[in-house]
Amino acid sequence: MAYWRQENVLALGPSGWGYLCGYRYRNARTLEEYSSLTKNGFPIVEAERLGKCSLGIESAILALRTRQGLDITSFTALFGEDIASGILGVLKKIPPNLVRFENANVSLTSAGMRVGNAIWVELMDILDTGSQARKPFIRSEN
């Protein structure tokens, strides 16, 4: 659950991915390289710190992968109104049989979970376009 909540996760073993205080990192891919690097320190070969918008979008995507979904009030408090509005703008364009809005929470329906990757691509496009103006990939059958 720590992964889905963007909490700290320790990466163990070759090719392991971890998350620590806002940094995502990856260990060496092969056992040989991993072993060699651990003798001299840490086996980390790649790391990145996400910006606020990227972190917010990733947080929304991870929350939507769970049954609990995304708590809009908490999300807005953490990431701000602009990012929350962008994400809600995308989600409101998704056909209603795929997404459920209840009070201050949004989650995917069972049908939505089956096409979740396409929904997540729509959210990632906020980073590319800087807005939610692009037409959604998922369309209703009307």
N, C-alpha and C. Protein backbone atom coordinates (compact mmCIF):
# COMPACT_ATOMS: atom_id res chain seq x y z
N MET A 1 0.82 -1.21 0.00
CA MET A 1 0.00 0.00 0.00
C MET A 1 0.86 1.26 0.00
N ALA A 2 2.07 1.16 0.54
CA ALA A 2 2.94 2.34 0.55
C ALA A 2 3.21 2.83 -0.87
N TYR A 3 3.37 1.92 -1.80
CA TYR A 3 3.59 2.29 -3.21
C TYR A 3 2.42 3.10 -3.73
N TRP A 4 1.21 2.63 -3.50
CA TRP A 4 0.01 3.28 -4.03
C TRP A 4 -0.24 4.63 -3.37
N ARG A 5 0.31 4.84 -2.19
CA ARG A 5 0.12 6.11 -1.47
C ARG A 5 1.31 7.05 -1.59
N GLN A 6 2.26 6.70 -2.42
CA GLN A 6 3.49 7.49 -2.62
C GLN A 6 4.24 7.69 -1.30
N GLU A 7 4.28 6.65 -0.51
CA GLU A 7 5.07 6.68 0.72
C GLU A 7 6.43 6.08 0.41
N ASN A 8 7.37 6.21 1.33
CA ASN A 8 8.71 5.67 1.11
C ASN A 8 8.66 4.17 0.94
N VAL A 9 9.39 3.69 -0.07
CA VAL A 9 9.47 2.26 -0.38
C VAL A 9 10.94 1.94 -0.63
N LEU A 10 11.47 0.96 0.06
CA LEU A 10 12.85 0.56 -0.09
C LEU A 10 12.98 -0.42 -1.25
N ALA A 11 13.89 -0.11 -2.18
CA ALA A 11 14.15 -0.99 -3.31
C ALA A 11 15.20 -2.01 -2.90
N LEU A 12 14.88 -3.27 -3.06
CA LEU A 12 15.83 -4.34 -2.74
C LEU A 12 16.08 -5.18 -3.97
N GLY A 13 17.33 -5.53 -4.20
CA GLY A 13 17.68 -6.42 -5.28
C GLY A 13 17.87 -5.71 -6.61
N PRO A 14 18.41 -6.45 -7.57
CA PRO A 14 18.62 -5.91 -8.92
C PRO A 14 17.30 -5.46 -9.55
N SER A 15 17.37 -4.34 -10.24
CA SER A 15 16.23 -3.74 -10.94
C SER A 15 15.11 -3.27 -10.02
N GLY A 16 15.35 -3.26 -8.72
CA GLY A 16 14.33 -2.78 -7.78
C GLY A 16 14.15 -1.27 -7.91
N TRP A 17 12.89 -0.84 -7.80
CA TRP A 17 12.56 0.59 -7.81
C TRP A 17 12.12 0.98 -6.42
N GLY A 18 12.57 2.15 -5.96
CA GLY A 18 12.19 2.63 -4.64
C GLY A 18 11.76 4.08 -4.70
N TYR A 19 11.26 4.54 -3.58
CA TYR A 19 10.80 5.92 -3.47
C TYR A 19 11.20 6.41 -2.09
N LEU A 20 11.93 7.53 -2.03
CA LEU A 20 12.40 8.05 -0.75
C LEU A 20 12.33 9.57 -0.75
N CYS A 21 11.48 10.11 0.10
CA CYS A 21 11.38 11.56 0.30
C CYS A 21 11.27 12.34 -1.01
N GLY A 22 10.41 11.87 -1.91
CA GLY A 22 10.17 12.58 -3.16
C GLY A 22 11.08 12.17 -4.30
N TYR A 23 12.02 11.28 -4.05
CA TYR A 23 12.91 10.78 -5.11
C TYR A 23 12.53 9.36 -5.47
N ARG A 24 12.40 9.09 -6.75
CA ARG A 24 12.20 7.74 -7.24
C ARG A 24 13.57 7.27 -7.73
N TYR A 25 13.95 6.06 -7.39
CA TYR A 25 15.25 5.57 -7.78
C TYR A 25 15.20 4.11 -8.21
N ARG A 26 16.24 3.73 -8.97
CA ARG A 26 16.33 2.35 -9.47
C ARG A 26 17.69 1.79 -9.15
N ASN A 27 17.69 0.54 -8.74
CA ASN A 27 18.93 -0.18 -8.50
C ASN A 27 19.49 -0.71 -9.82
N ALA A 28 20.77 -1.11 -9.78
CA ALA A 28 21.42 -1.73 -10.93
C ALA A 28 20.60 -2.92 -11.42
N ARG A 29 20.61 -3.14 -12.71
CA ARG A 29 19.77 -4.18 -13.31
C ARG A 29 20.28 -5.61 -13.09
N THR A 30 21.58 -5.82 -13.18
CA THR A 30 22.09 -7.18 -13.09
C THR A 30 22.59 -7.48 -11.68
N LEU A 31 22.60 -8.76 -11.33
CA LEU A 31 23.09 -9.18 -10.03
C LEU A 31 24.56 -8.82 -9.87
N GLU A 32 25.33 -8.97 -10.92
CA GLU A 32 26.75 -8.64 -10.86
C GLU A 32 26.97 -7.17 -10.55
N GLU A 33 26.30 -6.30 -11.29
CA GLU A 33 26.46 -4.86 -11.08
C GLU A 33 25.92 -4.46 -9.70
N TYR A 34 24.79 -5.02 -9.33
CA TYR A 34 24.18 -4.74 -8.02
C TYR A 34 25.16 -5.11 -6.91
N SER A 35 25.72 -6.31 -6.99
CA SER A 35 26.66 -6.81 -5.98
C SER A 35 27.90 -5.93 -5.92
N SER A 36 28.44 -5.58 -7.06
CA SER A 36 29.63 -4.73 -7.12
C SER A 36 29.37 -3.36 -6.48
N LEU A 37 28.24 -2.75 -6.80
CA LEU A 37 27.93 -1.43 -6.27
C LEU A 37 27.65 -1.45 -4.78
N THR A 38 27.05 -2.52 -4.27
CA THR A 38 26.77 -2.58 -2.82
C THR A 38 28.05 -2.71 -2.01
N LYS A 39 29.12 -3.22 -2.60
CA LYS A 39 30.40 -3.31 -1.90
C LYS A 39 30.98 -1.93 -1.64
N ASN A 40 30.66 -0.98 -2.51
CA ASN A 40 31.20 0.38 -2.40
C ASN A 40 30.18 1.40 -1.94
N GLY A 41 28.99 0.97 -1.59
CA GLY A 41 27.97 1.92 -1.17
C GLY A 41 26.58 1.44 -1.57
N PHE A 42 25.87 2.26 -2.32
CA PHE A 42 24.50 1.95 -2.71
C PHE A 42 24.44 1.50 -4.16
N PRO A 43 23.52 0.60 -4.47
CA PRO A 43 23.41 0.10 -5.85
C PRO A 43 22.51 0.95 -6.75
N ILE A 44 22.29 2.20 -6.36
CA ILE A 44 21.39 3.07 -7.12
C ILE A 44 22.09 3.58 -8.38
N VAL A 45 21.43 3.40 -9.53
CA VAL A 45 22.02 3.83 -10.80
C VAL A 45 21.19 4.92 -11.49
N GLU A 46 20.01 5.18 -10.98
CA GLU A 46 19.14 6.18 -11.60
C GLU A 46 18.24 6.75 -10.51
N ALA A 47 18.02 8.06 -10.56
CA ALA A 47 17.11 8.70 -9.60
C ALA A 47 16.50 9.93 -10.25
N GLU A 48 15.30 10.26 -9.83
CA GLU A 48 14.65 11.47 -10.32
C GLU A 48 13.76 12.06 -9.23
N ARG A 49 13.66 13.36 -9.23
CA ARG A 49 12.75 14.05 -8.32
C ARG A 49 11.66 14.65 -9.18
N LEU A 50 10.42 14.27 -8.89
CA LEU A 50 9.29 14.76 -9.67
C LEU A 50 8.90 16.16 -9.24
N GLY A 51 8.51 16.98 -10.21
CA GLY A 51 7.98 18.30 -9.91
C GLY A 51 6.57 18.17 -9.34
N LYS A 52 6.03 19.28 -8.87
CA LYS A 52 4.72 19.25 -8.20
C LYS A 52 3.61 18.73 -9.12
N CYS A 53 3.57 19.18 -10.36
CA CYS A 53 2.53 18.73 -11.28
C CYS A 53 2.68 17.23 -11.58
N SER A 54 3.90 16.80 -11.88
CA SER A 54 4.14 15.37 -12.15
C SER A 54 3.79 14.52 -10.94
N LEU A 55 4.18 14.99 -9.78
CA LEU A 55 3.90 14.26 -8.54
C LEU A 55 2.39 14.17 -8.30
N GLY A 56 1.68 15.25 -8.57
CA GLY A 56 0.23 15.26 -8.41
C GLY A 56 -0.47 14.31 -9.36
N ILE A 57 -0.06 14.33 -10.61
CA ILE A 57 -0.67 13.44 -11.61
C ILE A 57 -0.37 11.99 -11.27
N GLU A 58 0.87 11.71 -10.89
CA GLU A 58 1.21 10.34 -10.51
C GLU A 58 0.41 9.91 -9.27
N SER A 59 0.25 10.81 -8.32
CA SER A 59 -0.53 10.51 -7.13
C SER A 59 -1.98 10.18 -7.49
N ALA A 60 -2.55 10.95 -8.40
CA ALA A 60 -3.93 10.69 -8.85
C ALA A 60 -4.03 9.34 -9.54
N ILE A 61 -3.08 9.05 -10.41
CA ILE A 61 -3.09 7.77 -11.14
C ILE A 61 -2.98 6.60 -10.16
N LEU A 62 -2.07 6.71 -9.21
CA LEU A 62 -1.90 5.64 -8.23
C LEU A 62 -3.16 5.45 -7.39
N ALA A 63 -3.78 6.56 -6.98
CA ALA A 63 -5.01 6.47 -6.18
C ALA A 63 -6.13 5.83 -6.99
N LEU A 64 -6.21 6.17 -8.27
CA LEU A 64 -7.26 5.61 -9.12
C LEU A 64 -7.06 4.12 -9.39
N ARG A 65 -5.88 3.61 -9.14
CA ARG A 65 -5.63 2.17 -9.31
C ARG A 65 -6.13 1.39 -8.11
N THR A 66 -6.60 2.09 -7.08
CA THR A 66 -7.12 1.42 -5.89
C THR A 66 -8.64 1.52 -5.86
N ARG A 67 -9.24 0.66 -5.08
CA ARG A 67 -10.69 0.69 -4.93
C ARG A 67 -11.16 1.97 -4.23
N GLN A 68 -10.32 2.51 -3.35
CA GLN A 68 -10.68 3.72 -2.61
C GLN A 68 -10.75 4.95 -3.51
N GLY A 69 -9.97 4.97 -4.56
CA GLY A 69 -9.98 6.10 -5.48
C GLY A 69 -9.26 7.31 -4.93
N LEU A 70 -9.62 8.47 -5.44
CA LEU A 70 -8.95 9.73 -5.16
C LEU A 70 -9.83 10.62 -4.30
N ASP A 71 -9.32 11.01 -3.13
CA ASP A 71 -10.01 11.95 -2.25
C ASP A 71 -9.66 13.35 -2.73
N ILE A 72 -10.61 14.03 -3.34
CA ILE A 72 -10.36 15.32 -3.97
C ILE A 72 -9.95 16.39 -2.95
N THR A 73 -10.57 16.38 -1.78
CA THR A 73 -10.25 17.39 -0.76
C THR A 73 -8.79 17.27 -0.33
N SER A 74 -8.35 16.07 0.01
CA SER A 74 -6.96 15.86 0.42
C SER A 74 -6.00 16.16 -0.72
N PHE A 75 -6.37 15.72 -1.92
CA PHE A 75 -5.53 15.93 -3.09
C PHE A 75 -5.33 17.42 -3.34
N THR A 76 -6.41 18.19 -3.28
CA THR A 76 -6.33 19.63 -3.52
C THR A 76 -5.47 20.31 -2.46
N ALA A 77 -5.59 19.88 -1.22
CA ALA A 77 -4.77 20.45 -0.15
C ALA A 77 -3.28 20.19 -0.38
N LEU A 78 -2.96 19.02 -0.91
CA LEU A 78 -1.56 18.66 -1.15
C LEU A 78 -0.98 19.30 -2.41
N PHE A 79 -1.75 19.31 -3.49
CA PHE A 79 -1.20 19.70 -4.79
C PHE A 79 -1.75 21.00 -5.35
N GLY A 80 -2.78 21.54 -4.77
CA GLY A 80 -3.31 22.81 -5.22
C GLY A 80 -4.50 22.69 -6.16
N GLU A 81 -5.22 23.77 -6.25
CA GLU A 81 -6.46 23.84 -7.03
C GLU A 81 -6.21 23.64 -8.53
N ASP A 82 -5.13 24.20 -9.06
CA ASP A 82 -4.87 24.10 -10.51
C ASP A 82 -4.69 22.65 -10.96
N ILE A 83 -3.87 21.91 -10.24
CA ILE A 83 -3.62 20.51 -10.61
C ILE A 83 -4.89 19.69 -10.42
N ALA A 84 -5.59 19.92 -9.30
CA ALA A 84 -6.84 19.19 -9.04
C ALA A 84 -7.86 19.48 -10.13
N SER A 85 -7.98 20.73 -10.55
CA SER A 85 -8.93 21.09 -11.60
C SER A 85 -8.58 20.43 -12.92
N GLY A 86 -7.28 20.38 -13.24
CA GLY A 86 -6.85 19.72 -14.47
C GLY A 86 -7.22 18.25 -14.48
N ILE A 87 -6.99 17.59 -13.36
CA ILE A 87 -7.30 16.16 -13.27
C ILE A 87 -8.80 15.93 -13.32
N LEU A 88 -9.55 16.73 -12.58
CA LEU A 88 -11.01 16.59 -12.61
C LEU A 88 -11.57 16.90 -14.00
N GLY A 89 -10.97 17.86 -14.68
CA GLY A 89 -11.40 18.19 -16.04
C GLY A 89 -11.28 16.99 -16.97
N VAL A 90 -10.18 16.27 -16.85
CA VAL A 90 -9.99 15.06 -17.68
C VAL A 90 -10.99 13.99 -17.26
N LEU A 91 -11.11 13.75 -15.96
CA LEU A 91 -11.99 12.67 -15.48
C LEU A 91 -13.46 12.92 -15.80
N LYS A 92 -13.86 14.19 -15.83
CA LYS A 92 -15.26 14.50 -16.13
C LYS A 92 -15.61 14.26 -17.60
N LYS A 93 -14.59 14.16 -18.46
CA LYS A 93 -14.83 13.87 -19.88
C LYS A 93 -14.92 12.37 -20.15
N ILE A 94 -14.59 11.57 -19.17
CA ILE A 94 -14.63 10.12 -19.31
C ILE A 94 -16.10 9.67 -19.21
N PRO A 95 -16.52 8.73 -20.02
CA PRO A 95 -17.91 8.27 -19.94
C PRO A 95 -18.29 7.84 -18.51
N PRO A 96 -19.52 8.16 -18.08
CA PRO A 96 -19.93 7.90 -16.70
C PRO A 96 -19.95 6.43 -16.29
N ASN A 97 -19.97 5.52 -17.25
CA ASN A 97 -19.93 4.11 -16.86
C ASN A 97 -18.52 3.67 -16.45
N LEU A 98 -17.52 4.55 -16.63
CA LEU A 98 -16.14 4.21 -16.30
C LEU A 98 -15.62 4.90 -15.05
N VAL A 99 -16.25 6.00 -14.66
CA VAL A 99 -15.77 6.78 -13.51
C VAL A 99 -16.94 7.12 -12.60
N ARG A 100 -16.69 7.11 -11.30
CA ARG A 100 -17.73 7.36 -10.31
C ARG A 100 -17.32 8.56 -9.44
N PHE A 101 -18.20 9.55 -9.38
CA PHE A 101 -18.00 10.71 -8.52
C PHE A 101 -18.97 10.59 -7.35
N GLU A 102 -18.45 10.54 -6.14
CA GLU A 102 -19.29 10.47 -4.93
C GLU A 102 -18.74 11.44 -3.90
N ASN A 103 -19.51 12.46 -3.59
CA ASN A 103 -19.09 13.49 -2.64
C ASN A 103 -17.73 14.04 -3.07
N ALA A 104 -16.72 13.95 -2.20
CA ALA A 104 -15.40 14.48 -2.53
C ALA A 104 -14.45 13.37 -2.96
N ASN A 105 -14.98 12.33 -3.58
CA ASN A 105 -14.16 11.20 -3.99
C ASN A 105 -14.48 10.83 -5.44
N VAL A 106 -13.45 10.41 -6.14
CA VAL A 106 -13.64 9.91 -7.51
C VAL A 106 -12.89 8.58 -7.61
N SER A 107 -13.54 7.61 -8.24
CA SER A 107 -12.93 6.29 -8.41
C SER A 107 -13.37 5.73 -9.75
N LEU A 108 -12.67 4.69 -10.18
CA LEU A 108 -13.04 4.03 -11.41
C LEU A 108 -14.01 2.90 -11.10
N THR A 109 -14.96 2.71 -11.99
CA THR A 109 -15.88 1.58 -11.87
C THR A 109 -15.12 0.32 -12.30
N SER A 110 -15.75 -0.85 -12.19
CA SER A 110 -15.07 -2.08 -12.66
C SER A 110 -14.75 -1.97 -14.14
N ALA A 111 -15.67 -1.41 -14.92
CA ALA A 111 -15.40 -1.22 -16.35
C ALA A 111 -14.26 -0.22 -16.54
N GLY A 112 -14.21 0.80 -15.72
CA GLY A 112 -13.14 1.79 -15.79
C GLY A 112 -11.78 1.18 -15.48
N MET A 113 -11.74 0.27 -14.50
CA MET A 113 -10.48 -0.40 -14.17
C MET A 113 -9.95 -1.21 -15.36
N ARG A 114 -10.87 -1.78 -16.13
CA ARG A 114 -10.46 -2.58 -17.29
C ARG A 114 -9.81 -1.74 -18.38
N VAL A 115 -10.15 -0.46 -18.44
CA VAL A 115 -9.54 0.44 -19.43
C VAL A 115 -8.71 1.51 -18.73
N GLY A 116 -8.29 1.19 -17.52
CA GLY A 116 -7.56 2.15 -16.70
C GLY A 116 -6.32 2.73 -17.37
N ASN A 117 -5.57 1.92 -18.10
CA ASN A 117 -4.36 2.44 -18.73
C ASN A 117 -4.68 3.57 -19.71
N ALA A 118 -5.77 3.47 -20.42
CA ALA A 118 -6.15 4.54 -21.35
C ALA A 118 -6.54 5.80 -20.59
N ILE A 119 -7.18 5.64 -19.44
CA ILE A 119 -7.54 6.79 -18.60
C ILE A 119 -6.27 7.44 -18.07
N TRP A 120 -5.32 6.63 -17.64
CA TRP A 120 -4.08 7.16 -17.08
C TRP A 120 -3.26 7.90 -18.14
N VAL A 121 -3.33 7.43 -19.39
CA VAL A 121 -2.65 8.13 -20.48
C VAL A 121 -3.25 9.53 -20.62
N GLU A 122 -4.56 9.62 -20.50
CA GLU A 122 -5.22 10.93 -20.58
C GLU A 122 -4.70 11.87 -19.50
N LEU A 123 -4.51 11.35 -18.30
CA LEU A 123 -4.00 12.17 -17.20
C LEU A 123 -2.54 12.56 -17.45
N MET A 124 -1.75 11.66 -17.98
CA MET A 124 -0.35 11.97 -18.28
C MET A 124 -0.24 13.05 -19.35
N ASP A 125 -1.22 13.11 -20.23
CA ASP A 125 -1.20 14.11 -21.29
C ASP A 125 -1.30 15.53 -20.74
N ILE A 126 -1.76 15.69 -19.52
CA ILE A 126 -1.78 17.02 -18.90
C ILE A 126 -0.36 17.57 -18.86
N LEU A 127 0.61 16.71 -18.61
CA LEU A 127 2.02 17.14 -18.59
C LEU A 127 2.48 17.59 -19.96
N ASP A 128 2.06 16.87 -21.00
CA ASP A 128 2.50 17.19 -22.35
C ASP A 128 1.87 18.46 -22.90
N THR A 129 0.59 18.64 -22.61
CA THR A 129 -0.12 19.77 -23.20
C THR A 129 -0.22 20.97 -22.27
N GLY A 130 0.00 20.73 -20.97
CA GLY A 130 -0.14 21.82 -20.02
C GLY A 130 -1.58 22.14 -19.72
N SER A 131 -2.49 21.40 -20.28
CA SER A 131 -3.91 21.62 -20.01
C SER A 131 -4.68 20.35 -20.29
N GLN A 132 -5.95 20.39 -20.04
CA GLN A 132 -6.80 19.22 -20.32
C GLN A 132 -7.64 19.46 -21.58
N ALA A 133 -7.13 20.29 -22.50
CA ALA A 133 -7.92 20.67 -23.68
C ALA A 133 -8.02 19.57 -24.74
N ARG A 134 -7.10 18.61 -24.73
CA ARG A 134 -7.12 17.57 -25.75
C ARG A 134 -8.36 16.71 -25.63
N LYS A 135 -8.87 16.24 -26.76
CA LYS A 135 -10.04 15.38 -26.74
C LYS A 135 -9.67 14.03 -26.11
N PRO A 136 -10.53 13.51 -25.26
CA PRO A 136 -10.19 12.24 -24.60
C PRO A 136 -10.14 11.06 -25.56
N PHE A 137 -9.26 10.12 -25.26
CA PHE A 137 -9.14 8.88 -26.04
C PHE A 137 -10.36 7.99 -25.85
N ILE A 138 -10.88 7.97 -24.64
CA ILE A 138 -12.03 7.12 -24.34
C ILE A 138 -13.29 7.90 -24.66
N ARG A 139 -14.10 7.37 -25.49
CA ARG A 139 -15.31 8.05 -25.91
C ARG A 139 -16.54 7.21 -25.58
N SER A 140 -17.62 7.89 -25.34
CA SER A 140 -18.86 7.13 -25.12
C SER A 140 -19.36 6.63 -26.45
N GLU A 141 -20.24 5.66 -26.41
CA GLU A 141 -20.72 5.07 -27.66
C GLU A 141 -21.93 5.80 -28.23
N ASN A 142 -22.23 6.98 -27.76
CA ASN A 142 -23.37 7.75 -28.25
C ASN A 142 -23.11 8.32 -29.62
